[in-house]
Amino acid sequence: MKNKVLVELFVPSIDEVYNLYLPVNRKIGNIIVLLNKSLFELTNGAFLGTDKTLLYNRETGERYAVNTILRETDIRHGSSLVLL
């Protein structure tokens, strides 16, 4: 899958970790919207993402800008991310 990267996503608000593929040709903001919707469904409503939800690098604490395309970031296969 050249157009996706496998990442580990930690979601502190529900204390869960997910391994999932993210599309490299989408903006971080669009990915966050997709994650909010997906996690809402996966958790039966336990996760309530908002328009203020952000994506961070779990190791460095770097916040990813919502207007940046994923392939232009340091997110690669095996990256560990946090959704806050």
C-alpha atoms as a PDB file:
ATOM      1  CA  MET A   1       0.000   0.000   0.000  1.00  0.00           C
ATOM      2  CA  LYS A   2       2.051   2.887  -1.260  1.00  0.00           C
ATOM      3  CA  ASN A   3      -0.707   5.410  -0.682  1.00  0.00           C
ATOM      4  CA  LYS A   4      -1.193   4.585   3.024  1.00  0.00           C
ATOM      5  CA  VAL A   5       0.948   4.339   6.153  1.00  0.00           C
ATOM      6  CA  LEU A   6       0.382   2.022   9.100  1.00  0.00           C
ATOM      7  CA  VAL A   7       0.479   3.956  12.376  1.00  0.00           C
ATOM      8  CA  GLU A   8      -0.269   3.378  16.037  1.00  0.00           C
ATOM      9  CA  LEU A   9      -2.904   5.803  17.317  1.00  0.00           C
ATOM     10  CA  PHE A  10      -3.282   6.413  21.058  1.00  0.00           C
ATOM     11  CA  VAL A  11      -6.536   8.026  22.176  1.00  0.00           C
ATOM     12  CA  PRO A  12      -6.118   9.117  25.831  1.00  0.00           C
ATOM     13  CA  SER A  13      -9.741  10.166  26.354  1.00  0.00           C
ATOM     14  CA  ILE A  14     -10.869   6.539  26.016  1.00  0.00           C
ATOM     15  CA  ASP A  15      -7.509   4.956  26.957  1.00  0.00           C
ATOM     16  CA  GLU A  16      -7.303   2.916  23.733  1.00  0.00           C
ATOM     17  CA  VAL A  17      -4.607   2.228  21.125  1.00  0.00           C
ATOM     18  CA  TYR A  18      -5.414   1.428  17.494  1.00  0.00           C
ATOM     19  CA  ASN A  19      -3.241   0.294  14.600  1.00  0.00           C
ATOM     20  CA  LEU A  20      -4.601   1.769  11.403  1.00  0.00           C
ATOM     21  CA  TYR A  21      -3.735   2.922   7.918  1.00  0.00           C
ATOM     22  CA  LEU A  22      -3.818   6.628   7.067  1.00  0.00           C
ATOM     23  CA  PRO A  23      -3.927   7.988   3.504  1.00  0.00           C
ATOM     24  CA  VAL A  24      -0.747   9.883   2.578  1.00  0.00           C
ATOM     25  CA  ASN A  25      -2.466  12.193   0.088  1.00  0.00           C
ATOM     26  CA  ARG A  26      -4.951  13.770   2.536  1.00  0.00           C
ATOM     27  CA  LYS A  27      -4.621  16.829   4.744  1.00  0.00           C
ATOM     28  CA  ILE A  28      -4.177  16.206   8.460  1.00  0.00           C
ATOM     29  CA  GLY A  29      -7.434  18.097   9.115  1.00  0.00           C
ATOM     30  CA  ASN A  30      -9.366  15.725   6.838  1.00  0.00           C
ATOM     31  CA  ILE A  31      -7.723  12.727   8.495  1.00  0.00           C
ATOM     32  CA  ILE A  32      -8.766  14.024  11.930  1.00  0.00           C
ATOM     33  CA  VAL A  33     -12.383  14.329  10.745  1.00  0.00           C
ATOM     34  CA  LEU A  34     -12.261  10.739   9.447  1.00  0.00           C
ATOM     35  CA  LEU A  35     -10.731   9.525  12.715  1.00  0.00           C
ATOM     36  CA  ASN A  36     -13.383  11.336  14.774  1.00  0.00           C
ATOM     37  CA  LYS A  37     -16.182   9.684  12.815  1.00  0.00           C
ATOM     38  CA  SER A  38     -14.566   6.247  12.791  1.00  0.00           C
ATOM     39  CA  LEU A  39     -13.736   6.252  16.489  1.00  0.00           C
ATOM     40  CA  PHE A  40     -17.231   7.456  17.371  1.00  0.00           C
ATOM     41  CA  GLU A  41     -18.647   4.422  15.560  1.00  0.00           C
ATOM     42  CA  LEU A  42     -16.029   1.959  16.859  1.00  0.00           C
ATOM     43  CA  THR A  43     -16.573   3.016  20.468  1.00  0.00           C
ATOM     44  CA  ASN A  44     -20.379   3.191  20.237  1.00  0.00           C
ATOM     45  CA  GLY A  45     -20.289   6.895  21.027  1.00  0.00           C
ATOM     46  CA  ALA A  46     -17.719   6.792  23.855  1.00  0.00           C
ATOM     47  CA  PHE A  47     -15.303   8.948  21.832  1.00  0.00           C
ATOM     48  CA  LEU A  48     -16.652  12.379  20.952  1.00  0.00           C
ATOM     49  CA  GLY A  49     -14.141  14.162  18.735  1.00  0.00           C
ATOM     50  CA  THR A  50     -14.662  17.871  18.121  1.00  0.00           C
ATOM     51  CA  ASP A  51     -13.433  20.496  15.693  1.00  0.00           C
ATOM     52  CA  LYS A  52     -10.680  21.179  18.254  1.00  0.00           C
ATOM     53  CA  THR A  53      -9.301  17.618  18.103  1.00  0.00           C
ATOM     54  CA  LEU A  54      -5.634  17.590  17.061  1.00  0.00           C
ATOM     55  CA  LEU A  55      -3.042  15.014  16.045  1.00  0.00           C
ATOM     56  CA  TYR A  56       0.359  14.831  17.766  1.00  0.00           C
ATOM     57  CA  ASN A  57       3.532  12.794  17.437  1.00  0.00           C
ATOM     58  CA  ARG A  58       3.554  10.615  20.558  1.00  0.00           C
ATOM     59  CA  GLU A  59       7.356  10.557  20.858  1.00  0.00           C
ATOM     60  CA  THR A  60       8.212  14.211  20.194  1.00  0.00           C
ATOM     61  CA  GLY A  61       4.965  15.954  21.143  1.00  0.00           C
ATOM     62  CA  GLU A  62       4.943  17.779  17.799  1.00  0.00           C
ATOM     63  CA  ARG A  63       1.489  18.974  16.752  1.00  0.00           C
ATOM     64  CA  TYR A  64       0.631  18.417  13.102  1.00  0.00           C
ATOM     65  CA  ALA A  65      -0.859  21.397  11.276  1.00  0.00           C
ATOM     66  CA  VAL A  66      -4.330  20.686   9.907  1.00  0.00           C
ATOM     67  CA  ASN A  67      -3.520  22.144   6.475  1.00  0.00           C
ATOM     68  CA  THR A  68      -0.465  19.932   5.929  1.00  0.00           C
ATOM     69  CA  ILE A  69      -0.690  16.893   3.658  1.00  0.00           C
ATOM     70  CA  LEU A  70       0.339  13.755   5.535  1.00  0.00           C
ATOM     71  CA  ARG A  71       3.153  12.861   3.106  1.00  0.00           C
ATOM     72  CA  GLU A  72       4.785  16.235   3.889  1.00  0.00           C
ATOM     73  CA  THR A  73       5.099  15.325   7.590  1.00  0.00           C
ATOM     74  CA  ASP A  74       7.420  12.926   9.408  1.00  0.00           C
ATOM     75  CA  ILE A  75       4.617  10.350   9.743  1.00  0.00           C
ATOM     76  CA  ARG A  76       5.842   7.030   8.345  1.00  0.00           C
ATOM     77  CA  HIS A  77       5.057   3.329   8.796  1.00  0.00           C
ATOM     78  CA  GLY A  78       5.245   2.545  12.500  1.00  0.00           C
ATOM     79  CA  SER A  79       4.809   6.134  13.710  1.00  0.00           C
ATOM     80  CA  SER A  80       3.087   6.529  17.055  1.00  0.00           C
ATOM     81  CA  LEU A  81       0.466   9.292  17.163  1.00  0.00           C
ATOM     82  CA  VAL A  82      -1.875  10.781  19.770  1.00  0.00           C
ATOM     83  CA  LEU A  83      -5.370  12.098  19.059  1.00  0.00           C
ATOM     84  CA  LEU A  84      -6.359  14.801  21.586  1.00  0.00           C
END
